[in-house]
N, C-alpha and C. Protein backbone atom coordinates (compact mmCIF):
# COMPACT_ATOMS: atom_id res chain seq x y z
N MET A 1 0.84 -1.17 0.00
CA MET A 1 0.00 0.00 0.00
C MET A 1 0.89 1.25 0.00
N ASN A 2 0.55 2.20 -0.82
CA ASN A 2 1.23 3.49 -0.83
C ASN A 2 0.46 4.44 0.07
N ILE A 3 1.19 5.27 0.77
CA ILE A 3 0.57 6.28 1.62
C ILE A 3 0.98 7.64 1.09
N GLU A 4 -0.01 8.49 0.93
CA GLU A 4 0.19 9.83 0.39
C GLU A 4 -0.35 10.84 1.40
N LEU A 5 0.35 11.92 1.58
CA LEU A 5 -0.14 13.05 2.35
C LEU A 5 -0.26 14.22 1.40
N ILE A 6 -1.46 14.77 1.29
CA ILE A 6 -1.69 15.94 0.46
C ILE A 6 -1.86 17.14 1.39
N VAL A 7 -1.10 18.19 1.12
CA VAL A 7 -1.16 19.40 1.95
C VAL A 7 -1.29 20.63 1.06
N VAL A 8 -1.92 21.65 1.60
CA VAL A 8 -2.09 22.90 0.87
C VAL A 8 -0.96 23.84 1.27
N GLY A 9 -0.17 24.26 0.30
CA GLY A 9 0.89 25.22 0.51
C GLY A 9 2.15 24.62 1.11
N LYS A 10 3.24 25.31 0.88
CA LYS A 10 4.53 24.90 1.47
C LYS A 10 4.69 25.61 2.80
N THR A 11 5.47 25.02 3.66
CA THR A 11 5.74 25.68 4.94
C THR A 11 6.88 26.67 4.77
N ASP A 12 6.80 27.75 5.49
CA ASP A 12 7.86 28.75 5.43
C ASP A 12 8.84 28.59 6.60
N SER A 13 8.68 27.53 7.37
CA SER A 13 9.55 27.28 8.51
C SER A 13 10.57 26.19 8.18
N LYS A 14 11.84 26.53 8.23
CA LYS A 14 12.89 25.54 7.97
C LYS A 14 12.85 24.42 9.00
N GLU A 15 12.53 24.78 10.24
CA GLU A 15 12.50 23.79 11.31
C GLU A 15 11.38 22.77 11.10
N VAL A 16 10.20 23.24 10.73
CA VAL A 16 9.09 22.33 10.46
C VAL A 16 9.42 21.46 9.26
N SER A 17 9.96 22.05 8.20
CA SER A 17 10.35 21.27 7.02
C SER A 17 11.37 20.20 7.36
N ALA A 18 12.33 20.54 8.21
CA ALA A 18 13.36 19.57 8.60
C ALA A 18 12.74 18.40 9.35
N LEU A 19 11.80 18.68 10.25
CA LEU A 19 11.13 17.59 10.97
C LEU A 19 10.34 16.70 10.03
N VAL A 20 9.57 17.32 9.14
CA VAL A 20 8.78 16.56 8.17
C VAL A 20 9.69 15.69 7.30
N ASP A 21 10.79 16.26 6.84
CA ASP A 21 11.74 15.50 6.01
C ASP A 21 12.34 14.32 6.78
N MET A 22 12.69 14.55 8.04
CA MET A 22 13.29 13.49 8.86
C MET A 22 12.30 12.34 9.03
N TYR A 23 11.06 12.64 9.40
CA TYR A 23 10.08 11.57 9.60
C TYR A 23 9.67 10.91 8.29
N THR A 24 9.66 11.67 7.20
CA THR A 24 9.35 11.09 5.90
C THR A 24 10.38 10.01 5.54
N LYS A 25 11.64 10.31 5.76
CA LYS A 25 12.70 9.32 5.50
C LYS A 25 12.53 8.09 6.39
N ARG A 26 12.20 8.32 7.65
CA ARG A 26 12.01 7.19 8.57
C ARG A 26 10.80 6.33 8.17
N ILE A 27 9.72 6.98 7.77
CA ILE A 27 8.52 6.23 7.34
C ILE A 27 8.85 5.39 6.12
N ASN A 28 9.61 5.95 5.18
CA ASN A 28 9.94 5.22 3.95
C ASN A 28 10.80 3.99 4.21
N PHE A 29 11.40 3.89 5.37
CA PHE A 29 12.09 2.65 5.74
C PHE A 29 11.09 1.51 5.86
N TYR A 30 9.87 1.82 6.30
CA TYR A 30 8.82 0.82 6.53
C TYR A 30 7.84 0.69 5.36
N ASN A 31 7.52 1.80 4.73
CA ASN A 31 6.44 1.80 3.74
C ASN A 31 6.63 2.99 2.81
N ARG A 32 6.20 2.85 1.57
CA ARG A 32 6.30 3.96 0.62
C ARG A 32 5.37 5.09 1.07
N PHE A 33 5.96 6.27 1.22
CA PHE A 33 5.24 7.44 1.70
C PHE A 33 5.69 8.66 0.91
N ASN A 34 4.72 9.46 0.50
CA ASN A 34 5.02 10.64 -0.29
C ASN A 34 4.15 11.80 0.17
N ILE A 35 4.69 13.00 0.06
CA ILE A 35 3.92 14.20 0.36
C ILE A 35 3.76 15.00 -0.93
N THR A 36 2.53 15.39 -1.23
CA THR A 36 2.25 16.24 -2.37
C THR A 36 1.79 17.60 -1.86
N TYR A 37 2.47 18.62 -2.32
CA TYR A 37 2.16 19.99 -1.92
C TYR A 37 1.33 20.66 -3.00
N ILE A 38 0.18 21.17 -2.62
CA ILE A 38 -0.65 21.95 -3.53
C ILE A 38 -0.24 23.41 -3.36
N PRO A 39 0.05 24.11 -4.44
CA PRO A 39 0.44 25.53 -4.30
C PRO A 39 -0.66 26.33 -3.61
N ASP A 40 -0.21 27.34 -2.86
CA ASP A 40 -1.18 28.26 -2.25
C ASP A 40 -2.05 28.86 -3.34
N ILE A 41 -3.29 29.12 -3.01
CA ILE A 41 -4.22 29.73 -3.96
C ILE A 41 -3.80 31.18 -4.20
N ARG A 42 -3.71 31.55 -5.47
CA ARG A 42 -3.32 32.92 -5.82
C ARG A 42 -4.43 33.89 -5.46
N ASN A 43 -4.01 35.07 -5.08
CA ASN A 43 -4.94 36.15 -4.73
C ASN A 43 -5.94 35.75 -3.66
N SER A 44 -5.51 34.92 -2.73
CA SER A 44 -6.44 34.42 -1.70
C SER A 44 -6.99 35.55 -0.83
N LYS A 45 -6.26 36.65 -0.75
CA LYS A 45 -6.75 37.78 0.05
C LYS A 45 -8.01 38.40 -0.55
N ASN A 46 -8.20 38.17 -1.85
CA ASN A 46 -9.38 38.70 -2.53
C ASN A 46 -10.53 37.71 -2.55
N LEU A 47 -10.33 36.53 -1.94
CA LEU A 47 -11.36 35.50 -1.93
C LEU A 47 -11.99 35.38 -0.55
N SER A 48 -13.26 35.01 -0.55
CA SER A 48 -13.91 34.73 0.73
C SER A 48 -13.39 33.39 1.26
N GLU A 49 -13.66 33.12 2.51
CA GLU A 49 -13.27 31.84 3.11
C GLU A 49 -13.85 30.68 2.29
N SER A 50 -15.10 30.77 1.91
CA SER A 50 -15.76 29.73 1.13
C SER A 50 -15.12 29.57 -0.25
N GLN A 51 -14.80 30.66 -0.90
CA GLN A 51 -14.16 30.59 -2.22
C GLN A 51 -12.77 29.96 -2.12
N GLN A 52 -12.04 30.30 -1.06
CA GLN A 52 -10.72 29.72 -0.88
C GLN A 52 -10.82 28.22 -0.63
N LYS A 53 -11.76 27.80 0.21
CA LYS A 53 -11.94 26.36 0.47
C LYS A 53 -12.34 25.62 -0.82
N THR A 54 -13.18 26.25 -1.62
CA THR A 54 -13.61 25.63 -2.88
C THR A 54 -12.43 25.47 -3.83
N ALA A 55 -11.61 26.50 -3.97
CA ALA A 55 -10.45 26.43 -4.86
C ALA A 55 -9.46 25.38 -4.38
N GLU A 56 -9.18 25.36 -3.08
CA GLU A 56 -8.28 24.34 -2.53
C GLU A 56 -8.88 22.95 -2.71
N GLY A 57 -10.19 22.84 -2.49
CA GLY A 57 -10.86 21.54 -2.64
C GLY A 57 -10.77 21.00 -4.05
N GLU A 58 -10.92 21.84 -5.04
CA GLU A 58 -10.80 21.41 -6.44
C GLU A 58 -9.40 20.87 -6.71
N ALA A 59 -8.39 21.56 -6.17
CA ALA A 59 -7.00 21.11 -6.35
C ALA A 59 -6.76 19.78 -5.64
N ILE A 60 -7.31 19.62 -4.47
CA ILE A 60 -7.17 18.35 -3.72
C ILE A 60 -7.83 17.22 -4.49
N LEU A 61 -9.05 17.43 -4.94
CA LEU A 61 -9.80 16.36 -5.61
C LEU A 61 -9.15 15.93 -6.92
N ARG A 62 -8.43 16.82 -7.59
CA ARG A 62 -7.72 16.43 -8.82
C ARG A 62 -6.63 15.40 -8.55
N LEU A 63 -6.15 15.34 -7.31
CA LEU A 63 -5.06 14.42 -6.95
C LEU A 63 -5.54 13.08 -6.40
N ILE A 64 -6.85 12.92 -6.29
CA ILE A 64 -7.42 11.72 -5.68
C ILE A 64 -8.07 10.86 -6.74
N ASP A 65 -7.72 9.57 -6.71
CA ASP A 65 -8.33 8.60 -7.62
C ASP A 65 -9.57 7.99 -6.97
N ASP A 66 -10.44 7.42 -7.81
CA ASP A 66 -11.66 6.79 -7.31
C ASP A 66 -11.38 5.65 -6.33
N SER A 67 -10.28 4.95 -6.53
CA SER A 67 -9.97 3.78 -5.70
C SER A 67 -9.24 4.14 -4.40
N ASP A 68 -8.86 5.39 -4.23
CA ASP A 68 -8.13 5.81 -3.04
C ASP A 68 -9.01 5.79 -1.80
N ARG A 69 -8.41 5.46 -0.68
CA ARG A 69 -9.04 5.60 0.63
C ARG A 69 -8.59 6.97 1.15
N VAL A 70 -9.54 7.88 1.37
CA VAL A 70 -9.22 9.26 1.70
C VAL A 70 -9.57 9.55 3.17
N VAL A 71 -8.56 10.01 3.89
CA VAL A 71 -8.71 10.32 5.31
C VAL A 71 -8.35 11.79 5.52
N LEU A 72 -9.31 12.55 6.00
CA LEU A 72 -9.07 13.96 6.28
C LEU A 72 -8.57 14.11 7.70
N LEU A 73 -7.56 14.94 7.88
CA LEU A 73 -7.12 15.31 9.22
C LEU A 73 -7.98 16.50 9.62
N ASP A 74 -8.93 16.24 10.50
CA ASP A 74 -10.00 17.18 10.78
C ASP A 74 -10.31 17.18 12.27
N GLU A 75 -10.56 18.34 12.82
CA GLU A 75 -10.83 18.44 14.26
C GLU A 75 -12.05 17.66 14.71
N LYS A 76 -12.95 17.33 13.78
CA LYS A 76 -14.16 16.57 14.14
C LYS A 76 -14.00 15.07 13.91
N GLY A 77 -12.77 14.65 13.62
CA GLY A 77 -12.53 13.24 13.33
C GLY A 77 -12.35 12.39 14.57
N SER A 78 -12.18 11.11 14.35
CA SER A 78 -11.94 10.15 15.43
C SER A 78 -10.57 10.40 16.05
N GLU A 79 -10.50 10.22 17.35
CA GLU A 79 -9.23 10.37 18.05
C GLU A 79 -8.73 9.00 18.50
N PHE A 80 -7.42 8.83 18.46
CA PHE A 80 -6.80 7.57 18.85
C PHE A 80 -5.63 7.83 19.79
N ARG A 81 -5.37 6.86 20.63
CA ARG A 81 -4.07 6.79 21.28
C ARG A 81 -3.12 6.24 20.22
N SER A 82 -1.83 6.37 20.41
CA SER A 82 -0.87 5.96 19.38
C SER A 82 -0.98 4.48 19.04
N VAL A 83 -1.16 3.64 20.02
CA VAL A 83 -1.28 2.19 19.77
C VAL A 83 -2.57 1.90 18.99
N GLU A 84 -3.64 2.59 19.32
CA GLU A 84 -4.90 2.42 18.58
C GLU A 84 -4.76 2.88 17.14
N TYR A 85 -4.03 3.96 16.93
CA TYR A 85 -3.80 4.46 15.57
C TYR A 85 -2.98 3.45 14.78
N ALA A 86 -1.99 2.83 15.41
CA ALA A 86 -1.19 1.80 14.74
C ALA A 86 -2.09 0.62 14.33
N GLU A 87 -2.99 0.22 15.21
CA GLU A 87 -3.93 -0.87 14.88
C GLU A 87 -4.85 -0.46 13.74
N TRP A 88 -5.32 0.79 13.76
CA TRP A 88 -6.16 1.31 12.68
C TRP A 88 -5.40 1.24 11.36
N LEU A 89 -4.14 1.66 11.37
CA LEU A 89 -3.31 1.65 10.17
C LEU A 89 -3.10 0.22 9.67
N GLN A 90 -2.85 -0.71 10.58
CA GLN A 90 -2.64 -2.10 10.19
C GLN A 90 -3.88 -2.67 9.51
N LYS A 91 -5.06 -2.34 10.01
CA LYS A 91 -6.30 -2.80 9.38
C LYS A 91 -6.42 -2.27 7.96
N ARG A 92 -6.05 -1.00 7.75
CA ARG A 92 -6.11 -0.43 6.40
C ARG A 92 -5.11 -1.12 5.49
N MET A 93 -3.94 -1.44 6.01
CA MET A 93 -2.91 -2.11 5.22
C MET A 93 -3.35 -3.52 4.85
N ASN A 94 -4.04 -4.19 5.75
CA ASN A 94 -4.50 -5.55 5.50
C ASN A 94 -5.71 -5.62 4.58
N SER A 95 -6.36 -4.49 4.36
CA SER A 95 -7.62 -4.48 3.60
C SER A 95 -7.43 -4.54 2.09
N GLY A 96 -6.20 -4.39 1.63
CA GLY A 96 -5.96 -4.44 0.19
C GLY A 96 -6.03 -3.09 -0.50
N ILE A 97 -6.12 -2.03 0.26
CA ILE A 97 -6.13 -0.69 -0.31
C ILE A 97 -4.80 -0.47 -1.03
N LYS A 98 -4.86 0.08 -2.23
CA LYS A 98 -3.62 0.37 -2.96
C LYS A 98 -3.00 1.69 -2.52
N ARG A 99 -3.86 2.68 -2.23
CA ARG A 99 -3.33 3.99 -1.85
C ARG A 99 -4.20 4.58 -0.75
N LEU A 100 -3.56 4.88 0.35
CA LEU A 100 -4.20 5.55 1.48
C LEU A 100 -3.76 7.00 1.44
N VAL A 101 -4.73 7.91 1.31
CA VAL A 101 -4.44 9.33 1.13
C VAL A 101 -4.94 10.10 2.34
N PHE A 102 -4.00 10.76 3.02
CA PHE A 102 -4.33 11.67 4.11
C PHE A 102 -4.30 13.08 3.55
N VAL A 103 -5.18 13.94 4.06
CA VAL A 103 -5.24 15.30 3.55
C VAL A 103 -5.26 16.30 4.70
N ILE A 104 -4.36 17.28 4.62
CA ILE A 104 -4.36 18.42 5.53
C ILE A 104 -4.82 19.61 4.72
N GLY A 105 -5.91 20.20 5.12
CA GLY A 105 -6.46 21.33 4.39
C GLY A 105 -5.73 22.62 4.67
N GLY A 106 -6.22 23.66 4.09
CA GLY A 106 -5.66 24.99 4.30
C GLY A 106 -6.14 25.57 5.62
N PRO A 107 -5.92 26.85 5.82
CA PRO A 107 -6.24 27.47 7.10
C PRO A 107 -7.73 27.47 7.46
N TYR A 108 -8.61 27.32 6.46
CA TYR A 108 -10.05 27.33 6.74
C TYR A 108 -10.68 25.95 6.68
N GLY A 109 -9.88 24.92 6.49
CA GLY A 109 -10.43 23.57 6.44
C GLY A 109 -10.75 23.12 5.03
N PHE A 110 -11.79 22.29 4.92
CA PHE A 110 -12.12 21.63 3.66
C PHE A 110 -13.44 22.13 3.08
N SER A 111 -13.54 22.02 1.76
CA SER A 111 -14.80 22.34 1.08
C SER A 111 -15.78 21.19 1.29
N PRO A 112 -17.08 21.45 1.10
CA PRO A 112 -18.07 20.37 1.20
C PRO A 112 -17.78 19.20 0.24
N ASP A 113 -17.23 19.50 -0.95
CA ASP A 113 -16.93 18.42 -1.90
C ASP A 113 -15.83 17.50 -1.39
N VAL A 114 -14.84 18.05 -0.71
CA VAL A 114 -13.77 17.22 -0.14
C VAL A 114 -14.33 16.37 0.99
N TYR A 115 -15.17 16.97 1.84
CA TYR A 115 -15.82 16.17 2.89
C TYR A 115 -16.63 15.03 2.28
N SER A 116 -17.34 15.31 1.20
CA SER A 116 -18.17 14.28 0.56
C SER A 116 -17.32 13.14 0.00
N ARG A 117 -16.15 13.45 -0.51
CA ARG A 117 -15.29 12.43 -1.11
C ARG A 117 -14.54 11.61 -0.07
N SER A 118 -14.37 12.15 1.11
CA SER A 118 -13.56 11.46 2.12
C SER A 118 -14.26 10.19 2.61
N ASN A 119 -13.44 9.24 3.04
CA ASN A 119 -13.94 8.01 3.62
C ASN A 119 -14.02 8.08 5.14
N GLU A 120 -13.13 8.85 5.72
CA GLU A 120 -13.15 9.03 7.17
C GLU A 120 -12.32 10.24 7.57
N LYS A 121 -12.45 10.60 8.84
CA LYS A 121 -11.74 11.75 9.39
C LYS A 121 -11.02 11.32 10.66
N ILE A 122 -9.83 11.85 10.85
CA ILE A 122 -9.05 11.61 12.05
C ILE A 122 -8.67 12.96 12.64
N SER A 123 -8.76 13.06 13.95
CA SER A 123 -8.30 14.25 14.66
C SER A 123 -7.04 13.88 15.43
N LEU A 124 -6.01 14.68 15.30
CA LEU A 124 -4.78 14.42 16.03
C LEU A 124 -4.80 15.03 17.43
N SER A 125 -5.79 15.89 17.68
CA SER A 125 -5.92 16.51 19.00
C SER A 125 -7.20 17.33 19.03
N LYS A 126 -7.69 17.57 20.23
CA LYS A 126 -8.81 18.49 20.37
C LYS A 126 -8.34 19.94 20.26
N MET A 127 -7.03 20.13 20.39
CA MET A 127 -6.46 21.46 20.25
C MET A 127 -6.36 21.83 18.76
N THR A 128 -6.27 23.11 18.49
CA THR A 128 -6.09 23.58 17.12
C THR A 128 -4.62 23.86 16.88
N PHE A 129 -4.11 23.34 15.75
CA PHE A 129 -2.73 23.58 15.34
C PHE A 129 -2.75 24.26 13.99
N SER A 130 -1.69 24.97 13.67
CA SER A 130 -1.60 25.57 12.35
C SER A 130 -1.55 24.45 11.31
N HIS A 131 -2.01 24.75 10.10
CA HIS A 131 -2.00 23.73 9.05
C HIS A 131 -0.57 23.39 8.63
N GLN A 132 0.41 24.15 9.09
CA GLN A 132 1.81 23.83 8.79
C GLN A 132 2.40 22.92 9.86
N ILE A 133 2.22 23.25 11.15
CA ILE A 133 2.82 22.44 12.21
C ILE A 133 2.19 21.05 12.28
N ILE A 134 0.95 20.93 11.86
CA ILE A 134 0.27 19.63 11.91
C ILE A 134 0.98 18.62 10.99
N ARG A 135 1.68 19.10 9.98
CA ARG A 135 2.44 18.23 9.09
C ARG A 135 3.51 17.48 9.86
N ALA A 136 4.23 18.20 10.74
CA ALA A 136 5.26 17.55 11.54
C ALA A 136 4.64 16.59 12.55
N ILE A 137 3.54 17.00 13.15
CA ILE A 137 2.87 16.13 14.12
C ILE A 137 2.36 14.86 13.43
N PHE A 138 1.73 15.03 12.26
CA PHE A 138 1.20 13.86 11.55
C PHE A 138 2.32 12.91 11.13
N THR A 139 3.39 13.43 10.54
CA THR A 139 4.44 12.53 10.07
C THR A 139 5.10 11.82 11.24
N GLU A 140 5.24 12.50 12.38
CA GLU A 140 5.80 11.83 13.56
C GLU A 140 4.87 10.71 14.01
N GLN A 141 3.57 10.96 14.03
CA GLN A 141 2.63 9.93 14.48
C GLN A 141 2.55 8.76 13.50
N LEU A 142 2.68 9.03 12.21
CA LEU A 142 2.70 7.94 11.23
C LEU A 142 3.96 7.10 11.44
N TYR A 143 5.09 7.74 11.63
CA TYR A 143 6.32 7.00 11.93
C TYR A 143 6.17 6.20 13.23
N ARG A 144 5.59 6.81 14.24
CA ARG A 144 5.38 6.11 15.51
C ARG A 144 4.50 4.87 15.30
N ALA A 145 3.45 5.00 14.50
CA ALA A 145 2.57 3.86 14.23
C ALA A 145 3.36 2.71 13.59
N PHE A 146 4.18 3.02 12.61
CA PHE A 146 4.99 1.97 11.99
C PHE A 146 5.99 1.38 12.98
N SER A 147 6.55 2.22 13.84
CA SER A 147 7.50 1.69 14.81
C SER A 147 6.79 0.76 15.80
N ILE A 148 5.55 1.07 16.14
CA ILE A 148 4.77 0.18 17.02
C ILE A 148 4.50 -1.13 16.31
N LEU A 149 4.09 -1.06 15.06
CA LEU A 149 3.76 -2.28 14.30
C LEU A 149 4.98 -3.17 14.09
N HIS A 150 6.17 -2.58 14.08
CA HIS A 150 7.40 -3.35 13.87
C HIS A 150 8.20 -3.56 15.15
N ASN A 151 7.55 -3.30 16.29
CA ASN A 151 8.18 -3.52 17.60
C ASN A 151 9.51 -2.79 17.75
N SER A 152 9.60 -1.63 17.16
CA SER A 152 10.78 -0.78 17.30
C SER A 152 10.79 -0.17 18.71
N PRO A 153 11.95 0.13 19.24
CA PRO A 153 12.01 0.73 20.57
C PRO A 153 11.63 2.21 20.62
N TYR A 154 11.21 2.79 19.53
CA TYR A 154 10.88 4.22 19.48
C TYR A 154 9.74 4.57 20.45
N HIS A 155 8.68 3.75 20.44
CA HIS A 155 7.49 4.03 21.26
C HIS A 155 7.61 3.31 22.59
N HIS A 156 7.31 4.02 23.66
CA HIS A 156 7.32 3.43 25.01
C HIS A 156 5.92 3.50 25.58
N GLU A 157 5.48 2.40 26.16
CA GLU A 157 4.15 2.41 26.77
C GLU A 157 4.20 1.65 28.06
């Protein structure tokens, strides 16, 4: 199974990028993982929140195939402890899915069309994080899940 993370915009923080790169390399030791960056929407200051979500949503949906399992990282999603998330991931891997696609939206979240296309939602916390820092948190948790599944000493419980 291939795992893809789709994100809106590049991060302007070297530190966040370095963390994401480090965990991406670690994840690829266990499983093929790729991040696709959607360019920031041009002239977004002239767009309403709804228009910006719609434009970002159209760009996201162009990257998703009909056969993909789509998981939105969303504050209203299911919450897991790390071990539970690893079990959730293992079930998806065992299901025969060819591509598992996680999506981090822009600063205003997702358009209704993206919500409609998604298969499920996961929340990484009840707290709100910037759409940039959540990339580092997500990649660390994905790496942690793989380390749990492979009995690596990274995770302690």
